[in-house]
Structures are given as structure tokens and as C-alpha cells.
PDB file of N, CA and C in Angstrom:
ATOM      1  N   MET A   1      -5.380 -17.201 -11.464  1.00  0.00           N
ATOM      2  CA  MET A   1      -5.753 -17.020 -10.076  1.00  0.00           C
ATOM      3  C   MET A   1      -4.951 -15.862  -9.479  1.00  0.00           C
ATOM      4  N   PRO A   2      -5.600 -14.860  -8.922  1.00  0.00           N
ATOM      5  CA  PRO A   2      -4.864 -13.726  -8.351  1.00  0.00           C
ATOM      6  C   PRO A   2      -4.259 -14.065  -6.985  1.00  0.00           C
ATOM      7  N   TRP A   3      -3.130 -13.416  -6.691  1.00  0.00           N
ATOM      8  CA  TRP A   3      -2.476 -13.557  -5.399  1.00  0.00           C
ATOM      9  C   TRP A   3      -2.457 -12.199  -4.735  1.00  0.00           C
ATOM     10  N   GLN A   4      -2.560 -12.195  -3.407  1.00  0.00           N
ATOM     11  CA  GLN A   4      -2.675 -10.925  -2.713  1.00  0.00           C
ATOM     12  C   GLN A   4      -1.802 -10.899  -1.469  1.00  0.00           C
ATOM     13  N   ALA A   5      -1.573  -9.702  -0.988  1.00  0.00           N
ATOM     14  CA  ALA A   5      -0.888  -9.472   0.275  1.00  0.00           C
ATOM     15  C   ALA A   5      -1.517  -8.243   0.924  1.00  0.00           C
ATOM     16  N   LYS A   6      -1.550  -8.243   2.244  1.00  0.00           N
ATOM     17  CA  LYS A   6      -2.171  -7.149   2.990  1.00  0.00           C
ATOM     18  C   LYS A   6      -1.201  -6.607   4.028  1.00  0.00           C
ATOM     19  N   HIS A   7      -1.342  -5.337   4.287  1.00  0.00           N
ATOM     20  CA  HIS A   7      -0.696  -4.717   5.441  1.00  0.00           C
ATOM     21  C   HIS A   7      -1.772  -3.932   6.149  1.00  0.00           C
ATOM     22  N   ARG A   8      -2.126  -4.390   7.328  1.00  0.00           N
ATOM     23  CA  ARG A   8      -3.201  -3.744   8.071  1.00  0.00           C
ATOM     24  C   ARG A   8      -2.623  -2.905   9.196  1.00  0.00           C
ATOM     25  N   PHE A   9      -3.314  -1.840   9.521  1.00  0.00           N
ATOM     26  CA  PHE A   9      -2.950  -0.922  10.597  1.00  0.00           C
ATOM     27  C   PHE A   9      -1.590  -0.260  10.360  1.00  0.00           C
ATOM     28  N   ALA A  10      -1.295   0.072   9.105  1.00  0.00           N
ATOM     29  CA  ALA A  10      -0.062   0.798   8.793  1.00  0.00           C
ATOM     30  C   ALA A  10      -0.185   2.213   9.347  1.00  0.00           C
ATOM     31  N   ARG A  11       0.839   2.691  10.042  1.00  0.00           N
ATOM     32  CA  ARG A  11       0.775   3.985  10.718  1.00  0.00           C
ATOM     33  C   ARG A  11       1.117   5.122   9.756  1.00  0.00           C
ATOM     34  N   ILE A  12       0.279   5.272   8.734  1.00  0.00           N
ATOM     35  CA  ILE A  12       0.425   6.357   7.781  1.00  0.00           C
ATOM     36  C   ILE A  12      -0.976   6.690   7.263  1.00  0.00           C
ATOM     37  N   SER A  13      -1.179   7.930   6.930  1.00  0.00           N
ATOM     38  CA  SER A  13      -2.494   8.377   6.483  1.00  0.00           C
ATOM     39  C   SER A  13      -2.864   7.736   5.141  1.00  0.00           C
ATOM     40  N   PRO A  14      -4.117   7.303   4.969  1.00  0.00           N
ATOM     41  CA  PRO A  14      -4.524   6.705   3.697  1.00  0.00           C
ATOM     42  C   PRO A  14      -4.371   7.650   2.510  1.00  0.00           C
ATOM     43  N   THR A  15      -4.523   8.941   2.730  1.00  0.00           N
ATOM     44  CA  THR A  15      -4.380   9.911   1.644  1.00  0.00           C
ATOM     45  C   THR A  15      -2.979   9.878   1.059  1.00  0.00           C
ATOM     46  N   LYS A  16      -1.969   9.746   1.906  1.00  0.00           N
ATOM     47  CA  LYS A  16      -0.588   9.709   1.447  1.00  0.00           C
ATOM     48  C   LYS A  16      -0.281   8.414   0.701  1.00  0.00           C
ATOM     49  N   VAL A  17      -0.871   7.316   1.156  1.00  0.00           N
ATOM     50  CA  VAL A  17      -0.609   6.025   0.515  1.00  0.00           C
ATOM     51  C   VAL A  17      -1.319   5.936  -0.830  1.00  0.00           C
ATOM     52  N   ARG A  18      -2.494   6.539  -0.948  1.00  0.00           N
ATOM     53  CA  ARG A  18      -3.252   6.464  -2.204  1.00  0.00           C
ATOM     54  C   ARG A  18      -2.514   7.126  -3.360  1.00  0.00           C
ATOM     55  N   LEU A  19      -1.700   8.144  -3.067  1.00  0.00           N
ATOM     56  CA  LEU A  19      -0.920   8.788  -4.128  1.00  0.00           C
ATOM     57  C   LEU A  19       0.024   7.778  -4.780  1.00  0.00           C
ATOM     58  N   MET A  20       0.673   6.945  -3.983  1.00  0.00           N
ATOM     59  CA  MET A  20       1.587   5.931  -4.511  1.00  0.00           C
ATOM     60  C   MET A  20       0.821   4.769  -5.132  1.00  0.00           C
ATOM     61  N   ALA A  21      -0.323   4.429  -4.554  1.00  0.00           N
ATOM     62  CA  ALA A  21      -1.122   3.322  -5.079  1.00  0.00           C
ATOM     63  C   ALA A  21      -1.622   3.628  -6.483  1.00  0.00           C
ATOM     64  N   ASP A  22      -1.973   4.870  -6.742  1.00  0.00           N
ATOM     65  CA  ASP A  22      -2.459   5.267  -8.063  1.00  0.00           C
ATOM     66  C   ASP A  22      -1.351   5.179  -9.115  1.00  0.00           C
ATOM     67  N   MET A  23      -0.100   5.305  -8.680  1.00  0.00           N
ATOM     68  CA  MET A  23       1.017   5.260  -9.625  1.00  0.00           C
ATOM     69  C   MET A  23       1.274   3.856 -10.170  1.00  0.00           C
ATOM     70  N   ILE A  24       0.959   2.810  -9.393  1.00  0.00           N
ATOM     71  CA  ILE A  24       1.319   1.452  -9.820  1.00  0.00           C
ATOM     72  C   ILE A  24       0.130   0.621 -10.271  1.00  0.00           C
ATOM     73  N   ARG A  25      -1.068   1.099 -10.074  1.00  0.00           N
ATOM     74  CA  ARG A  25      -2.253   0.305 -10.420  1.00  0.00           C
ATOM     75  C   ARG A  25      -2.278   0.012 -11.915  1.00  0.00           C
ATOM     76  N   GLY A  26      -2.371  -1.274 -12.277  1.00  0.00           N
ATOM     77  CA  GLY A  26      -2.451  -1.688 -13.671  1.00  0.00           C
ATOM     78  C   GLY A  26      -1.114  -1.891 -14.357  1.00  0.00           C
ATOM     79  N   ARG A  27      -0.020  -1.598 -13.698  1.00  0.00           N
ATOM     80  CA  ARG A  27       1.302  -1.733 -14.320  1.00  0.00           C
ATOM     81  C   ARG A  27       1.821  -3.165 -14.219  1.00  0.00           C
ATOM     82  N   ASP A  28       2.845  -3.446 -15.026  1.00  0.00           N
ATOM     83  CA  ASP A  28       3.583  -4.688 -14.908  1.00  0.00           C
ATOM     84  C   ASP A  28       4.240  -4.727 -13.526  1.00  0.00           C
ATOM     85  N   ALA A  29       4.359  -5.908 -12.932  1.00  0.00           N
ATOM     86  CA  ALA A  29       4.826  -6.008 -11.550  1.00  0.00           C
ATOM     87  C   ALA A  29       6.247  -5.484 -11.385  1.00  0.00           C
ATOM     88  N   GLN A  30       7.139  -5.866 -12.277  1.00  0.00           N
ATOM     89  CA  GLN A  30       8.516  -5.409 -12.154  1.00  0.00           C
ATOM     90  C   GLN A  30       8.632  -3.903 -12.398  1.00  0.00           C
ATOM     91  N   GLU A  31       7.834  -3.392 -13.321  1.00  0.00           N
ATOM     92  CA  GLU A  31       7.814  -1.953 -13.569  1.00  0.00           C
ATOM     93  C   GLU A  31       7.306  -1.198 -12.339  1.00  0.00           C
ATOM     94  N   ALA A  32       6.313  -1.776 -11.654  1.00  0.00           N
ATOM     95  CA  ALA A  32       5.781  -1.147 -10.446  1.00  0.00           C
ATOM     96  C   ALA A  32       6.838  -1.091  -9.344  1.00  0.00           C
ATOM     97  N   VAL A  33       7.629  -2.154  -9.212  1.00  0.00           N
ATOM     98  CA  VAL A  33       8.705  -2.157  -8.217  1.00  0.00           C
ATOM     99  C   VAL A  33       9.734  -1.081  -8.549  1.00  0.00           C
ATOM    100  N   ASP A  34      10.052  -0.927  -9.840  1.00  0.00           N
ATOM    101  CA  ASP A  34      11.010   0.089 -10.256  1.00  0.00           C
ATOM    102  C   ASP A  34      10.483   1.501  -9.992  1.00  0.00           C
ATOM    103  N   VAL A  35       9.217   1.729 -10.283  1.00  0.00           N
ATOM    104  CA  VAL A  35       8.623   3.048 -10.052  1.00  0.00           C
ATOM    105  C   VAL A  35       8.664   3.394  -8.565  1.00  0.00           C
ATOM    106  N   LEU A  36       8.311   2.427  -7.725  1.00  0.00           N
ATOM    107  CA  LEU A  36       8.285   2.684  -6.286  1.00  0.00           C
ATOM    108  C   LEU A  36       9.687   2.874  -5.702  1.00  0.00           C
ATOM    109  N   SER A  37      10.672   2.217  -6.298  1.00  0.00           N
ATOM    110  CA  SER A  37      12.030   2.328  -5.739  1.00  0.00           C
ATOM    111  C   SER A  37      12.605   3.734  -5.931  1.00  0.00           C
ATOM    112  N   PHE A  38      12.124   4.475  -6.935  1.00  0.00           N
ATOM    113  CA  PHE A  38      12.615   5.828  -7.173  1.00  0.00           C
ATOM    114  C   PHE A  38      11.717   6.912  -6.595  1.00  0.00           C
ATOM    115  N   ALA A  39      10.609   6.534  -5.985  1.00  0.00           N
ATOM    116  CA  ALA A  39       9.719   7.521  -5.374  1.00  0.00           C
ATOM    117  C   ALA A  39      10.269   7.908  -3.996  1.00  0.00           C
ATOM    118  N   PRO A  40      10.299   9.195  -3.679  1.00  0.00           N
ATOM    119  CA  PRO A  40      10.898   9.627  -2.417  1.00  0.00           C
ATOM    120  C   PRO A  40       9.973   9.500  -1.212  1.00  0.00           C
ATOM    121  N   ASN A  41       8.716   9.140  -1.410  1.00  0.00           N
ATOM    122  CA  ASN A  41       7.750   9.134  -0.322  1.00  0.00           C
ATOM    123  C   ASN A  41       7.960   7.929   0.597  1.00  0.00           C
ATOM    124  N   ARG A  42       7.591   8.091   1.858  1.00  0.00           N
ATOM    125  CA  ARG A  42       7.652   6.998   2.819  1.00  0.00           C
ATOM    126  C   ARG A  42       6.631   5.921   2.462  1.00  0.00           C
ATOM    127  N   ALA A  43       5.504   6.330   1.871  1.00  0.00           N
ATOM    128  CA  ALA A  43       4.470   5.377   1.490  1.00  0.00           C
ATOM    129  C   ALA A  43       4.970   4.420   0.415  1.00  0.00           C
ATOM    130  N   ALA A  44       5.907   4.857  -0.421  1.00  0.00           N
ATOM    131  CA  ALA A  44       6.442   3.993  -1.472  1.00  0.00           C
ATOM    132  C   ALA A  44       7.152   2.792  -0.871  1.00  0.00           C
ATOM    133  N   GLY A  45       7.869   2.988   0.212  1.00  0.00           N
ATOM    134  CA  GLY A  45       8.548   1.877   0.864  1.00  0.00           C
ATOM    135  C   GLY A  45       7.578   0.880   1.463  1.00  0.00           C
ATOM    136  N   ILE A  46       6.489   1.376   2.018  1.00  0.00           N
ATOM    137  CA  ILE A  46       5.485   0.493   2.617  1.00  0.00           C
ATOM    138  C   ILE A  46       4.797  -0.329   1.537  1.00  0.00           C
ATOM    139  N   ILE A  47       4.400   0.317   0.428  1.00  0.00           N
ATOM    140  CA  ILE A  47       3.725  -0.405  -0.649  1.00  0.00           C
ATOM    141  C   ILE A  47       4.685  -1.381  -1.320  1.00  0.00           C
ATOM    142  N   THR A  48       5.975  -1.038  -1.403  1.00  0.00           N
ATOM    143  CA  THR A  48       6.958  -1.947  -1.995  1.00  0.00           C
ATOM    144  C   THR A  48       7.025  -3.246  -1.222  1.00  0.00           C
ATOM    145  N   LYS A  49       6.993  -3.165   0.098  1.00  0.00           N
ATOM    146  CA  LYS A  49       7.036  -4.376   0.916  1.00  0.00           C
ATOM    147  C   LYS A  49       5.806  -5.249   0.681  1.00  0.00           C
ATOM    148  N   VAL A  50       4.643  -4.618   0.582  1.00  0.00           N
ATOM    149  CA  VAL A  50       3.412  -5.383   0.355  1.00  0.00           C
ATOM    150  C   VAL A  50       3.421  -5.995  -1.048  1.00  0.00           C
ATOM    151  N   LEU A  51       3.890  -5.237  -2.041  1.00  0.00           N
ATOM    152  CA  LEU A  51       3.966  -5.747  -3.411  1.00  0.00           C
ATOM    153  C   LEU A  51       4.939  -6.919  -3.503  1.00  0.00           C
ATOM    154  N   ASN A  52       6.098  -6.798  -2.859  1.00  0.00           N
ATOM    155  CA  ASN A  52       7.056  -7.904  -2.870  1.00  0.00           C
ATOM    156  C   ASN A  52       6.490  -9.140  -2.185  1.00  0.00           C
ATOM    157  N   SER A  53       5.688  -8.952  -1.165  1.00  0.00           N
ATOM    158  CA  SER A  53       5.047 -10.080  -0.496  1.00  0.00           C
ATOM    159  C   SER A  53       4.032 -10.763  -1.413  1.00  0.00           C
ATOM    160  N   ALA A  54       3.269  -9.964  -2.166  1.00  0.00           N
ATOM    161  CA  ALA A  54       2.313 -10.545  -3.116  1.00  0.00           C
ATOM    162  C   ALA A  54       3.043 -11.291  -4.226  1.00  0.00           C
ATOM    163  N   LEU A  55       4.183 -10.752  -4.691  1.00  0.00           N
ATOM    164  CA  LEU A  55       4.976 -11.441  -5.713  1.00  0.00           C
ATOM    165  C   LEU A  55       5.558 -12.738  -5.169  1.00  0.00           C
ATOM    166  N   ALA A  56       5.963 -12.749  -3.917  1.00  0.00           N
ATOM    167  CA  ALA A  56       6.476 -13.975  -3.302  1.00  0.00           C
ATOM    168  C   ALA A  56       5.371 -15.014  -3.156  1.00  0.00           C
ATOM    169  N   ASN A  57       4.162 -14.567  -2.837  1.00  0.00           N
ATOM    170  CA  ASN A  57       3.033 -15.496  -2.761  1.00  0.00           C
ATOM    171  C   ASN A  57       2.756 -16.131  -4.124  1.00  0.00           C
ATOM    172  N   ALA A  58       2.846 -15.336  -5.180  1.00  0.00           N
ATOM    173  CA  ALA A  58       2.630 -15.858  -6.526  1.00  0.00           C
ATOM    174  C   ALA A  58       3.750 -16.814  -6.925  1.00  0.00           C
ATOM    175  N   ASN A  59       4.974 -16.477  -6.566  1.00  0.00           N
ATOM    176  CA  ASN A  59       6.119 -17.320  -6.888  1.00  0.00           C
ATOM    177  C   ASN A  59       6.023 -18.648  -6.153  1.00  0.00           C
ATOM    178  N   GLU A  60       5.536 -18.617  -4.921  1.00  0.00           N
ATOM    179  CA  GLU A  60       5.374 -19.840  -4.133  1.00  0.00           C
ATOM    180  C   GLU A  60       4.335 -20.766  -4.751  1.00  0.00           C
ATOM    181  N   ALA A  61       3.342 -20.188  -5.420  1.00  0.00           N
ATOM    182  CA  ALA A  61       2.305 -20.977  -6.092  1.00  0.00           C
ATOM    183  C   ALA A  61       2.701 -21.336  -7.518  1.00  0.00           C
ATOM    184  N   GLU A  62       3.995 -21.124  -7.847  1.00  0.00           N
ATOM    185  CA  GLU A  62       4.569 -21.479  -9.144  1.00  0.00           C
ATOM    186  C   GLU A  62       3.910 -20.746 -10.307  1.00  0.00           C
ATOM    187  N   ALA A  63       3.668 -19.466 -10.103  1.00  0.00           N
ATOM    188  CA  ALA A  63       3.148 -18.630 -11.182  1.00  0.00           C
ATOM    189  C   ALA A  63       4.315 -18.161 -12.045  1.00  0.00           C
ATOM    190  N   ASP A  64       4.014 -17.761 -13.278  1.00  0.00           N
ATOM    191  CA  ASP A  64       5.030 -17.193 -14.159  1.00  0.00           C
ATOM    192  C   ASP A  64       5.258 -15.743 -13.739  1.00  0.00           C
ATOM    193  N   VAL A  65       6.368 -15.496 -13.048  1.00  0.00           N
ATOM    194  CA  VAL A  65       6.621 -14.195 -12.438  1.00  0.00           C
ATOM    195  C   VAL A  65       6.799 -13.108 -13.492  1.00  0.00           C
ATOM    196  N   ASP A  66       7.262 -13.467 -14.693  1.00  0.00           N
ATOM    197  CA  ASP A  66       7.477 -12.471 -15.748  1.00  0.00           C
ATOM    198  C   ASP A  66       6.169 -11.929 -16.314  1.00  0.00           C
ATOM    199  N   ARG A  67       5.081 -12.660 -16.134  1.00  0.00           N
ATOM    200  CA  ARG A  67       3.789 -12.237 -16.691  1.00  0.00           C
ATOM    201  C   ARG A  67       2.873 -11.591 -15.666  1.00  0.00           C
ATOM    202  N   LEU A  68       3.362 -11.320 -14.466  1.00  0.00           N
ATOM    203  CA  LEU A  68       2.516 -10.756 -13.415  1.00  0.00           C
ATOM    204  C   LEU A  68       2.332  -9.254 -13.604  1.00  0.00           C
ATOM    205  N   TYR A  69       1.147  -8.783 -13.265  1.00  0.00           N
ATOM    206  CA  TYR A  69       0.861  -7.348 -13.262  1.00  0.00           C
ATOM    207  C   TYR A  69       0.047  -7.013 -12.016  1.00  0.00           C
ATOM    208  N   VAL A  70       0.015  -5.744 -11.663  1.00  0.00           N
ATOM    209  CA  VAL A  70      -0.712  -5.289 -10.481  1.00  0.00           C
ATOM    210  C   VAL A  70      -2.178  -5.140 -10.870  1.00  0.00           C
ATOM    211  N   LYS A  71      -2.980  -6.070 -10.398  1.00  0.00           N
ATOM    212  CA  LYS A  71      -4.398  -6.070 -10.766  1.00  0.00           C
ATOM    213  C   LYS A  71      -5.188  -5.067  -9.930  1.00  0.00           C
ATOM    214  N   GLU A  72      -4.874  -4.997  -8.646  1.00  0.00           N
ATOM    215  CA  GLU A  72      -5.651  -4.133  -7.752  1.00  0.00           C
ATOM    216  C   GLU A  72      -4.746  -3.633  -6.631  1.00  0.00           C
ATOM    217  N   VAL A  73      -4.894  -2.376  -6.306  1.00  0.00           N
ATOM    218  CA  VAL A  73      -4.273  -1.796  -5.117  1.00  0.00           C
ATOM    219  C   VAL A  73      -5.366  -1.017  -4.406  1.00  0.00           C
ATOM    220  N   ARG A  74      -5.662  -1.428  -3.191  1.00  0.00           N
ATOM    221  CA  ARG A  74      -6.734  -0.766  -2.446  1.00  0.00           C
ATOM    222  C   ARG A  74      -6.174  -0.263  -1.122  1.00  0.00           C
ATOM    223  N   VAL A  75      -6.487   0.971  -0.797  1.00  0.00           N
ATOM    224  CA  VAL A  75      -6.057   1.576   0.464  1.00  0.00           C
ATOM    225  C   VAL A  75      -7.305   2.051   1.193  1.00  0.00           C
ATOM    226  N   ASP A  76      -7.580   1.417   2.308  1.00  0.00           N
ATOM    227  CA  ASP A  76      -8.731   1.780   3.126  1.00  0.00           C
ATOM    228  C   ASP A  76      -8.242   2.402   4.427  1.00  0.00           C
ATOM    229  N   GLY A  77      -9.062   3.231   4.997  1.00  0.00           N
ATOM    230  CA  GLY A  77      -8.719   3.846   6.270  1.00  0.00           C
ATOM    231  C   GLY A  77      -8.933   2.884   7.417  1.00  0.00           C
ATOM    232  N   GLY A  78      -7.996   2.833   8.322  1.00  0.00           N
ATOM    233  CA  GLY A  78      -8.121   2.031   9.530  1.00  0.00           C
ATOM    234  C   GLY A  78      -8.588   2.910  10.674  1.00  0.00           C
ATOM    235  N   PRO A  79      -8.546   2.388  11.881  1.00  0.00           N
ATOM    236  CA  PRO A  79      -8.954   3.199  13.033  1.00  0.00           C
ATOM    237  C   PRO A  79      -7.939   4.303  13.305  1.00  0.00           C
ATOM    238  N   ALA A  80      -8.432   5.441  13.699  1.00  0.00           N
ATOM    239  CA  ALA A  80      -7.562   6.579  14.011  1.00  0.00           C
ATOM    240  C   ALA A  80      -7.318   6.621  15.512  1.00  0.00           C
ATOM    241  N   MET A  81      -6.069   6.841  15.884  1.00  0.00           N
ATOM    242  CA  MET A  81      -5.745   7.032  17.301  1.00  0.00           C
ATOM    243  C   MET A  81      -6.019   8.488  17.635  1.00  0.00           C
ATOM    244  N   ARG A  82      -6.849   8.713  18.613  1.00  0.00           N
ATOM    245  CA  ARG A  82      -7.216  10.072  18.985  1.00  0.00           C
ATOM    246  C   ARG A  82      -6.253  10.572  20.058  1.00  0.00           C
ATOM    247  N   ARG A  83      -5.609  11.698  19.769  1.00  0.00           N
ATOM    248  CA  ARG A  83      -4.737  12.352  20.725  1.00  0.00           C
ATOM    249  C   ARG A  83      -5.200  13.799  20.840  1.00  0.00           C
ATOM    250  N   TYR A  84      -4.788  14.467  21.901  1.00  0.00           N
ATOM    251  CA  TYR A  84      -5.232  15.830  22.122  1.00  0.00           C
ATOM    252  C   TYR A  84      -4.035  16.728  22.401  1.00  0.00           C
ATOM    253  N   ARG A  85      -4.076  17.937  21.843  1.00  0.00           N
ATOM    254  CA  ARG A  85      -3.017  18.927  22.011  1.00  0.00           C
ATOM    255  C   ARG A  85      -3.563  20.055  22.883  1.00  0.00           C
ATOM    256  N   PRO A  86      -2.888  20.392  23.958  1.00  0.00           N
ATOM    257  CA  PRO A  86      -3.362  21.512  24.778  1.00  0.00           C
ATOM    258  C   PRO A  86      -3.239  22.845  24.037  1.00  0.00           C
ATOM    259  N   LYS A  87      -4.249  23.652  24.157  1.00  0.00           N
ATOM    260  CA  LYS A  87      -4.270  24.967  23.509  1.00  0.00           C
ATOM    261  C   LYS A  87      -4.501  26.048  24.560  1.00  0.00           C
ATOM    262  N   ASP A  88      -4.664  27.250  24.077  1.00  0.00           N
ATOM    263  CA  ASP A  88      -4.795  28.377  24.992  1.00  0.00           C
ATOM    264  C   ASP A  88      -6.108  28.334  25.780  1.00  0.00           C
ATOM    265  N   ARG A  89      -6.094  28.965  26.920  1.00  0.00           N
ATOM    266  CA  ARG A  89      -7.249  29.108  27.826  1.00  0.00           C
ATOM    267  C   ARG A  89      -7.834  27.754  28.244  1.00  0.00           C
ATOM    268  N   GLY A  90      -6.973  26.760  28.394  1.00  0.00           N
ATOM    269  CA  GLY A  90      -7.413  25.475  28.919  1.00  0.00           C
ATOM    270  C   GLY A  90      -8.146  24.592  27.942  1.00  0.00           C
ATOM    271  N   ARG A  91      -8.097  24.919  26.680  1.00  0.00           N
ATOM    272  CA  ARG A  91      -8.812  24.118  25.687  1.00  0.00           C
ATOM    273  C   ARG A  91      -7.937  22.987  25.168  1.00  0.00           C
ATOM    274  N   MET A  92      -8.571  22.020  24.505  1.00  0.00           N
ATOM    275  CA  MET A  92      -7.858  20.897  23.893  1.00  0.00           C
ATOM    276  C   MET A  92      -8.313  20.774  22.445  1.00  0.00           C
ATOM    277  N   HIS A  93      -7.376  20.536  21.550  1.00  0.00           N
ATOM    278  CA  HIS A  93      -7.705  20.293  20.150  1.00  0.00           C
ATOM    279  C   HIS A  93      -7.345  18.868  19.797  1.00  0.00           C
ATOM    280  N   PRO A  94      -8.261  18.149  19.107  1.00  0.00           N
ATOM    281  CA  PRO A  94      -7.989  16.743  18.791  1.00  0.00           C
ATOM    282  C   PRO A  94      -6.983  16.599  17.643  1.00  0.00           C
ATOM    283  N   ILE A  95      -6.168  15.569  17.741  1.00  0.00           N
ATOM    284  CA  ILE A  95      -5.225  15.187  16.689  1.00  0.00           C
ATOM    285  C   ILE A  95      -5.565  13.751  16.321  1.00  0.00           C
ATOM    286  N   ASP A  96      -5.831  13.495  15.041  1.00  0.00           N
ATOM    287  CA  ASP A  96      -6.094  12.131  14.572  1.00  0.00           C
ATOM    288  C   ASP A  96      -4.821  11.543  14.001  1.00  0.00           C
ATOM    289  N   LYS A  97      -4.327  10.483  14.597  1.00  0.00           N
ATOM    290  CA  LYS A  97      -3.187   9.754  14.046  1.00  0.00           C
ATOM    291  C   LYS A  97      -3.780   8.593  13.260  1.00  0.00           C
ATOM    292  N   ARG A  98      -3.825   8.757  11.951  1.00  0.00           N
ATOM    293  CA  ARG A  98      -4.565   7.837  11.097  1.00  0.00           C
ATOM    294  C   ARG A  98      -3.758   6.587  10.755  1.00  0.00           C
ATOM    295  N   THR A  99      -4.496   5.504  10.469  1.00  0.00           N
ATOM    296  CA  THR A  99      -3.883   4.252  10.036  1.00  0.00           C
ATOM    297  C   THR A  99      -4.517   3.829   8.719  1.00  0.00           C
ATOM    298  N   SER A 100      -3.841   2.895   8.026  1.00  0.00           N
ATOM    299  CA  SER A 100      -4.295   2.444   6.708  1.00  0.00           C
ATOM    300  C   SER A 100      -4.303   0.931   6.645  1.00  0.00           C
ATOM    301  N   HIS A 101      -5.214   0.408   5.844  1.00  0.00           N
ATOM    302  CA  HIS A 101      -5.213  -1.004   5.464  1.00  0.00           C
ATOM    303  C   HIS A 101      -4.872  -1.044   3.976  1.00  0.00           C
ATOM    304  N   ILE A 102      -3.766  -1.707   3.619  1.00  0.00           N
ATOM    305  CA  ILE A 102      -3.282  -1.735   2.237  1.00  0.00           C
ATOM    306  C   ILE A 102      -3.424  -3.153   1.694  1.00  0.00           C
ATOM    307  N   LEU A 103      -4.039  -3.281   0.510  1.00  0.00           N
ATOM    308  CA  LEU A 103      -4.206  -4.566  -0.165  1.00  0.00           C
ATOM    309  C   LEU A 103      -3.624  -4.458  -1.566  1.00  0.00           C
ATOM    310  N   VAL A 104      -2.739  -5.399  -1.925  1.00  0.00           N
ATOM    311  CA  VAL A 104      -2.155  -5.445  -3.262  1.00  0.00           C
ATOM    312  C   VAL A 104      -2.469  -6.820  -3.849  1.00  0.00           C
ATOM    313  N   VAL A 105      -3.051  -6.826  -5.052  1.00  0.00           N
ATOM    314  CA  VAL A 105      -3.401  -8.059  -5.747  1.00  0.00           C
ATOM    315  C   VAL A 105      -2.648  -8.102  -7.071  1.00  0.00           C
ATOM    316  N   VAL A 106      -1.933  -9.203  -7.328  1.00  0.00           N
ATOM    317  CA  VAL A 106      -1.243  -9.398  -8.596  1.00  0.00           C
ATOM    318  C   VAL A 106      -1.854 -10.603  -9.309  1.00  0.00           C
ATOM    319  N   ASP A 107      -1.808 -10.575 -10.621  1.00  0.00           N
ATOM    320  CA  ASP A 107      -2.383 -11.644 -11.434  1.00  0.00           C
ATOM    321  C   ASP A 107      -1.535 -11.821 -12.687  1.00  0.00           C
ATOM    322  N   GLU A 108      -1.699 -12.967 -13.348  1.00  0.00           N
ATOM    323  CA  GLU A 108      -0.981 -13.217 -14.594  1.00  0.00           C
ATOM    324  C   GLU A 108      -1.748 -12.618 -15.763  1.00  0.00           C
ATOM    325  N   GLU A 109      -1.014 -12.056 -16.719  1.00  0.00           N
ATOM    326  CA  GLU A 109      -1.641 -11.545 -17.915  1.00  0.00           C
ATOM    327  C   GLU A 109      -2.082 -12.704 -18.791  1.00  0.00           C
ATOM    328  N   GLN A 110      -3.256 -12.595 -19.370  1.00  0.00           N
ATOM    329  CA  GLN A 110      -3.771 -13.621 -20.282  1.00  0.00           C
ATOM    330  C   GLN A 110      -3.260 -13.336 -21.685  1.00  0.00           C
ATOM    331  N   ARG A 111      -2.547 -14.279 -22.270  1.00  0.00           N
ATOM    332  CA  ARG A 111      -1.992 -14.064 -23.619  1.00  0.00           C
ATOM    333  C   ARG A 111      -2.729 -14.871 -24.637  1.00  0.00           C
TER     334      ARG A 111
END
């Protein structure tokens, strides 16, 4: 049975988070935590928190934590906050402050 954790409306662009999500997809859970701990990106810290939450959910359901792997990592775009920057001659240029919905699913390996 897979266990999951979500972080919705994370204030970071989905493009930046997907780079880190691609690094851990399909890896062993502990290996994924190690990879993220050495990544310098801000997105790595956000995904680490979600991954640790999914591992805690699995541990609470008495799963074998040593056999867990990252089954799915999905990063979807959330609503963008629209802001405007004043420009020359009275014009305005839009700025999109993007948000992300992050889903991490862990499962036990079948032996």
C-alpha cells in the first residue's frame, strides 16, 4: 500500500521544483534523502520535508522503512499571484509569482 504526503501552494515555481523531483524519482527512500541533503537548491529543502512526511506516514502504518522507495513525485502548478511592475511611459508589466502543488508517494519494494 503506498503512502503519500502533499505540500500545496508552495511559493516556488514548479519548474524549479521539477528539477529536484526528477533527481529522486524511483530511488530508494534513504538514498533520496541523502541526494536532497547535498543539493544546494531551495526546492531540495521543500521536497525533503514532504518526503520525510511521507516516510513518517509509512512508519506510522508500521511499514518496513528499510524497503521503502520513492514511487511517484508529482509537481503541478498552483495558482499564480499576479503582480505588476511599473514601466516607462505609464505602462505596467505583469509579474507572475508562481506556486506549486507537490505530491510524494512512497511504497515498499516487492521482494
